[in-house]
Amino acid sequence: MDHRKILTQVRGELVRKREELQGTLDRTVVRIKDGSDRMADVLDRATVEHDRTVELMIRGRESDQIREIQEAIRRIDEGQFGVCHRCGKAISPRRLRLAPLSRLCTACKEKTELISRGGAHAAHLGVEQHAY
């Protein structure tokens, strides 16, 4: 598959995912602002508040994912998508299709995971430790 076709496909998938997540966020905001879940019973209110807190935590993660998606779309539009942020080499088309938010090539990602899993062991193997 040619590079432009992959970029077009990945961009389309990212836009769809962003719209899906944004729709979920928007519905949550409307539901919370609606306030129709006001209850007189203290235990019912506590349960609703707990559920709302959990939902807001999930929506916060989704909001972070929207920002990552927007950044990936920006990189596609500016011709910077698919370049490893660590070594500057091309990220494989297969990796980009499977994990379009990837900023690291497979080799750099593996090194990063080695470091995060076993600092001393990674150092013993000669893997440099950097903050990413």
Protein backbone atom coordinates (compact mmCIF):
# COMPACT_ATOMS: atom_id res chain seq x y z
CA MET A 1 0.00 0.00 0.00
CA ASP A 2 1.45 3.38 -0.91
CA HIS A 3 2.37 5.92 1.78
CA ARG A 4 -0.24 8.55 0.82
CA LYS A 5 -3.01 5.95 0.85
CA ILE A 6 -1.94 4.82 4.34
CA LEU A 7 -1.88 8.44 5.57
CA THR A 8 -5.34 9.11 4.12
CA GLN A 9 -6.71 5.94 5.71
CA VAL A 10 -5.12 6.62 9.11
CA ARG A 11 -6.26 10.25 9.06
CA GLY A 12 -9.83 9.21 8.31
CA GLU A 13 -9.80 6.70 11.17
CA LEU A 14 -8.39 9.33 13.54
CA VAL A 15 -11.02 11.88 12.55
CA ARG A 16 -13.81 9.32 13.10
CA LYS A 17 -12.41 8.35 16.51
CA ARG A 18 -12.04 12.00 17.53
CA GLU A 19 -15.65 12.74 16.55
CA GLU A 20 -16.88 9.68 18.44
CA LEU A 21 -15.00 10.67 21.60
CA GLN A 22 -16.07 14.31 21.30
CA GLY A 23 -19.71 13.24 20.97
CA THR A 24 -19.43 11.18 24.16
CA LEU A 25 -17.85 14.12 25.99
CA ASP A 26 -20.55 16.50 24.78
CA ARG A 27 -23.35 14.16 25.90
CA THR A 28 -21.75 13.81 29.32
CA VAL A 29 -21.54 17.59 29.76
CA VAL A 30 -25.21 18.00 28.79
CA ARG A 31 -26.28 15.24 31.18
CA ILE A 32 -24.29 16.71 34.07
CA LYS A 33 -25.55 20.25 33.41
CA ASP A 34 -29.11 18.93 33.19
CA GLY A 35 -29.00 17.95 36.87
CA SER A 36 -32.04 15.74 36.49
CA ASP A 37 -30.46 13.19 38.82
CA ARG A 38 -31.00 15.27 41.98
CA MET A 39 -32.29 13.06 44.74
CA ALA A 40 -33.41 13.62 48.28
CA ASP A 41 -31.92 10.42 49.67
CA VAL A 42 -28.32 10.87 50.86
CA LEU A 43 -27.25 7.37 49.80
CA ASP A 44 -28.72 7.80 46.33
CA ARG A 45 -26.92 11.13 45.96
CA ALA A 46 -23.65 9.56 47.12
CA THR A 47 -24.02 6.79 44.56
CA VAL A 48 -24.79 9.28 41.79
CA GLU A 49 -21.80 11.44 42.81
CA HIS A 50 -19.50 8.40 42.82
CA ASP A 51 -20.74 7.34 39.40
CA ARG A 52 -20.32 10.88 38.11
CA THR A 53 -16.75 11.04 39.45
CA VAL A 54 -15.84 7.77 37.75
CA GLU A 55 -17.45 8.93 34.51
CA LEU A 56 -15.57 12.24 34.63
CA MET A 57 -12.28 10.39 35.16
CA ILE A 58 -13.01 8.27 32.09
CA ARG A 59 -14.00 11.36 30.08
CA GLY A 60 -10.77 13.05 31.21
CA ARG A 61 -8.78 10.18 29.72
CA GLU A 62 -10.84 10.41 26.56
CA SER A 63 -10.16 14.16 26.43
CA ASP A 64 -6.43 13.39 26.63
CA GLN A 65 -6.88 10.89 23.80
CA ILE A 66 -8.65 13.57 21.71
CA ARG A 67 -5.62 15.84 22.17
CA GLU A 68 -3.30 13.00 21.07
CA ILE A 69 -5.49 12.35 18.03
CA GLN A 70 -5.49 16.05 17.11
CA GLU A 71 -1.70 16.08 17.42
CA ALA A 72 -1.42 13.03 15.13
CA ILE A 73 -3.73 14.67 12.57
CA ARG A 74 -1.58 17.81 12.75
CA ARG A 75 1.55 15.72 12.12
CA ILE A 76 -0.14 14.09 9.11
CA ASP A 77 -1.16 17.47 7.71
CA GLU A 78 2.34 18.91 8.21
CA GLY A 79 4.12 15.87 6.75
CA GLN A 80 5.72 14.88 10.07
CA PHE A 81 3.63 11.78 10.72
CA GLY A 82 5.42 8.47 10.77
CA VAL A 83 8.81 9.79 11.89
CA CYS A 84 10.21 8.46 15.18
CA HIS A 85 10.57 11.26 17.73
CA ARG A 86 13.64 9.60 19.19
CA CYS A 87 15.81 8.39 16.33
CA GLY A 88 14.25 10.24 13.38
CA LYS A 89 13.77 7.07 11.31
CA ALA A 90 10.52 6.13 9.61
CA ILE A 91 7.92 4.26 11.66
CA SER A 92 6.76 1.17 9.78
CA PRO A 93 3.45 1.46 7.92
CA ARG A 94 2.22 -1.64 9.76
CA ARG A 95 2.87 -0.01 13.15
CA LEU A 96 1.20 3.21 12.02
CA ARG A 97 -1.92 1.32 10.94
CA LEU A 98 -2.06 -0.69 14.18
CA ALA A 99 -1.12 2.16 16.54
CA PRO A 100 -1.64 5.47 14.70
CA LEU A 101 -0.80 7.56 17.77
CA SER A 102 2.70 6.06 17.89
CA ARG A 103 5.53 8.56 18.15
CA LEU A 104 8.29 5.95 18.35
CA CYS A 105 9.45 3.28 15.92
CA THR A 106 9.31 -0.31 17.14
CA ALA A 107 13.00 -0.42 18.11
CA CYS A 108 12.82 2.79 20.18
CA LYS A 109 9.54 1.70 21.78
CA GLU A 110 11.11 -1.61 22.81
CA LYS A 111 14.11 0.20 24.32
CA THR A 112 11.77 2.52 26.22
CA GLU A 113 9.81 -0.44 27.59
CA LEU A 114 13.02 -2.20 28.62
CA ILE A 115 14.09 0.86 30.55
CA SER A 116 10.72 1.32 32.24
CA ARG A 117 10.52 -2.35 33.23
CA GLY A 118 13.97 -2.85 34.60
CA GLY A 119 16.20 0.19 34.80
CA ALA A 120 19.27 -1.65 36.12
CA HIS A 121 18.74 -4.60 33.79
CA ALA A 122 18.38 -2.25 30.81
CA ALA A 123 21.55 -0.43 31.81
CA HIS A 124 23.34 -3.79 32.00
CA LEU A 125 22.23 -4.49 28.42
CA GLY A 126 23.69 -1.16 27.32
CA VAL A 127 20.36 0.57 26.73
CA GLU A 128 20.56 4.31 27.29
CA GLN A 129 18.12 5.75 29.79
CA HIS A 130 16.34 8.91 28.62
CA ALA A 131 13.19 10.65 29.73
CA TYR A 132 10.59 10.46 26.91
